Amino acid sequence: MRIGIGYDVHRLQEGLPLWIGGIRIAHSKGLVGHSDADVLIHAICDALLGAAALGDIGKHFPDTDAAYKGIDSKVLLGHVCRLLEHEGYTIVNVDSIVAAQRPKLAPHIEDMRATLAEVMGIDIKKVSVKATTTEHLGFEGREEGISAQAVALIDEK
């Protein structure tokens, strides 16, 4: 068994769509990035890649490659999962947390879990998504950005 950790952060900007955990969330601000800037999926990708010692999301999907401009991060996560399978790994579970002052994410967590589980091809019981505010502290608390962390456990087939 192997474990990996992932972290990602993106800046918030007015007028952009907000994608977190593979679902679009109604909000006046969205995350800035080369792809759709889904901070949670990016952290999960890094956790999975790290567990398998396969580098990070930037190595596999560089922001200098026009092919990934505006791409749906679910596509990236699917690619990471196929790469793990090719390397002989299965996903045991993923645990994650998103830090955002607003919007409130609790109403969306079950949809995120279901979407992530579907993309990863695992049971929803193996996917944990939590959300927290930072009590108005730091860049998340000032609503300048959103961060996410993930831990993934994988096993060799």
Protein backbone atom coordinates (compact mmCIF):
# COMPACT_ATOMS: atom_id res chain seq x y z
CA MET A 1 0.00 0.00 0.00
CA ARG A 2 1.14 3.52 -0.74
CA ILE A 3 -0.10 6.92 0.40
CA GLY A 4 0.10 10.32 -1.28
CA ILE A 5 -0.81 13.88 -0.42
CA GLY A 6 -1.98 16.68 -2.68
CA TYR A 7 -2.48 20.41 -2.24
CA ASP A 8 -3.76 23.06 -4.61
CA VAL A 9 -4.84 26.67 -4.48
CA HIS A 10 -6.44 29.01 -6.99
CA ARG A 11 -7.32 32.70 -6.90
CA LEU A 12 -10.97 33.78 -7.04
CA GLN A 13 -12.12 36.28 -9.65
CA GLU A 14 -15.49 37.87 -10.38
CA GLY A 15 -17.45 36.57 -13.34
CA LEU A 16 -15.84 33.13 -13.75
CA PRO A 17 -17.63 29.80 -13.26
CA LEU A 18 -16.82 28.01 -10.01
CA TRP A 19 -15.98 24.32 -10.34
CA ILE A 20 -15.18 22.30 -7.21
CA GLY A 21 -15.18 18.52 -7.02
CA GLY A 22 -16.38 18.19 -10.58
CA ILE A 23 -19.58 20.17 -10.11
CA ARG A 24 -20.44 23.75 -10.95
CA ILE A 25 -21.43 25.82 -7.93
CA ALA A 26 -23.43 29.03 -8.23
CA HIS A 27 -21.28 31.92 -6.97
CA SER A 28 -20.33 35.41 -8.13
CA LYS A 29 -16.66 34.40 -8.33
CA GLY A 30 -14.84 31.51 -9.95
CA LEU A 31 -11.31 30.16 -9.77
CA VAL A 32 -8.58 31.37 -12.11
CA GLY A 33 -6.45 28.74 -13.83
CA HIS A 34 -5.23 27.28 -17.11
CA SER A 35 -7.87 24.53 -16.90
CA ASP A 36 -11.26 24.91 -15.24
CA ALA A 37 -9.23 25.45 -12.01
CA ASP A 38 -11.06 22.76 -10.02
CA VAL A 39 -8.92 23.04 -6.91
CA LEU A 40 -10.27 19.85 -5.32
CA ILE A 41 -9.72 17.63 -8.34
CA HIS A 42 -6.21 19.04 -8.75
CA ALA A 43 -5.35 18.17 -5.15
CA ILE A 44 -6.76 14.65 -5.63
CA CYS A 45 -4.75 14.19 -8.83
CA ASP A 46 -1.57 15.18 -7.01
CA ALA A 47 -2.36 12.83 -4.12
CA LEU A 48 -2.90 9.89 -6.48
CA LEU A 49 0.16 10.68 -8.58
CA GLY A 50 2.27 11.15 -5.45
CA ALA A 51 1.16 7.84 -4.00
CA ALA A 52 2.42 6.10 -7.14
CA ALA A 53 5.58 8.29 -7.32
CA LEU A 54 4.54 9.49 -10.78
CA GLY A 55 5.23 13.19 -10.33
CA ASP A 56 2.58 15.85 -10.06
CA ILE A 57 -0.23 17.37 -12.05
CA GLY A 58 2.09 19.99 -13.59
CA LYS A 59 4.33 17.26 -15.02
CA HIS A 60 1.44 15.46 -16.71
CA PHE A 61 -0.70 18.48 -17.68
CA PRO A 62 1.59 21.53 -17.97
CA ASP A 63 -0.06 24.94 -18.02
CA THR A 64 2.17 25.77 -20.99
CA ASP A 65 0.33 23.21 -23.15
CA ALA A 66 -2.61 24.73 -25.05
CA ALA A 67 -4.30 21.30 -25.11
CA TYR A 68 -5.22 21.77 -21.44
CA LYS A 69 -6.51 25.35 -21.75
CA GLY A 70 -9.99 25.42 -20.18
CA ILE A 71 -10.12 21.61 -19.90
CA ASP A 72 -12.62 19.96 -17.58
CA SER A 73 -10.57 18.69 -14.64
CA LYS A 74 -12.66 15.52 -14.56
CA VAL A 75 -10.85 14.59 -17.79
CA LEU A 76 -7.52 15.06 -16.02
CA LEU A 77 -8.62 12.93 -13.06
CA GLY A 78 -9.81 10.19 -15.41
CA HIS A 79 -6.43 10.21 -17.13
CA VAL A 80 -4.63 9.95 -13.77
CA CYS A 81 -6.81 6.98 -12.79
CA ARG A 82 -6.07 5.19 -16.08
CA LEU A 83 -2.36 5.86 -15.55
CA LEU A 84 -2.53 4.33 -12.06
CA GLU A 85 -4.36 1.31 -13.44
CA HIS A 86 -1.72 0.91 -16.16
CA GLU A 87 0.98 1.01 -13.47
CA GLY A 88 -0.80 -1.74 -11.54
CA TYR A 89 -2.47 0.26 -8.77
CA THR A 90 -6.02 0.44 -7.46
CA ILE A 91 -7.45 3.27 -5.38
CA VAL A 92 -8.26 2.23 -1.81
CA ASN A 93 -9.69 5.59 -0.70
CA VAL A 94 -9.40 9.36 -1.00
CA ASP A 95 -9.92 11.86 1.82
CA SER A 96 -10.04 15.57 1.05
CA ILE A 97 -10.86 18.99 2.44
CA VAL A 98 -11.64 22.32 0.78
CA ALA A 99 -11.01 25.62 2.57
CA ALA A 100 -13.32 28.44 1.43
CA GLN A 101 -15.04 31.23 3.31
CA ARG A 102 -17.80 31.39 0.71
CA PRO A 103 -19.74 29.85 -0.86
CA LYS A 104 -20.91 27.34 1.70
CA LEU A 105 -19.98 23.93 0.31
CA ALA A 106 -21.86 21.60 2.68
CA PRO A 107 -24.96 21.44 0.41
CA HIS A 108 -22.75 20.24 -2.48
CA ILE A 109 -20.59 17.62 -0.79
CA GLU A 110 -22.69 14.57 -1.67
CA ASP A 111 -22.81 15.61 -5.34
CA MET A 112 -19.03 16.10 -5.28
CA ARG A 113 -18.49 12.67 -3.72
CA ALA A 114 -20.74 11.00 -6.29
CA THR A 115 -19.07 12.77 -9.21
CA LEU A 116 -15.55 12.05 -7.99
CA ALA A 117 -16.37 8.40 -7.28
CA GLU A 118 -17.82 7.99 -10.77
CA VAL A 119 -14.79 9.54 -12.46
CA MET A 120 -12.37 7.44 -10.38
CA GLY A 121 -14.43 4.29 -10.90
CA ILE A 122 -14.69 3.56 -7.18
CA ASP A 123 -17.49 3.23 -4.65
CA ILE A 124 -18.71 6.50 -3.15
CA LYS A 125 -17.91 5.05 0.30
CA LYS A 126 -14.23 5.37 -0.63
CA VAL A 127 -14.45 9.13 -1.27
CA SER A 128 -14.51 11.67 1.53
CA VAL A 129 -14.97 15.39 0.91
CA LYS A 130 -15.02 17.88 3.77
CA ALA A 131 -15.28 21.66 3.75
CA THR A 132 -14.16 24.32 6.18
CA THR A 133 -13.96 28.07 6.45
CA THR A 134 -10.88 29.74 7.86
CA GLU A 135 -12.87 32.01 10.19
CA HIS A 136 -12.05 35.00 7.94
CA LEU A 137 -8.28 34.36 8.30
CA GLY A 138 -5.82 34.18 5.40
CA PHE A 139 -6.49 34.40 1.68
CA GLU A 140 -9.41 31.95 1.93
CA GLY A 141 -10.98 33.98 4.73
CA ARG A 142 -10.61 37.20 2.74
CA GLU A 143 -12.27 35.40 -0.21
CA GLU A 144 -9.22 35.89 -2.40
CA GLY A 145 -8.88 32.18 -3.19
CA ILE A 146 -9.77 28.61 -2.31
CA SER A 147 -7.44 25.79 -1.32
CA ALA A 148 -7.82 22.03 -1.14
CA GLN A 149 -5.86 19.15 0.33
CA ALA A 150 -6.23 15.45 -0.39
CA VAL A 151 -4.76 12.18 0.82
CA ALA A 152 -4.98 9.04 -1.29
CA LEU A 153 -4.27 5.44 -0.41
CA ILE A 154 -3.51 3.07 -3.30
CA ASP A 155 -2.64 -0.61 -3.43
CA GLU A 156 -0.81 -2.79 -5.92
CA LYS A 157 -3.03 -5.22 -7.80
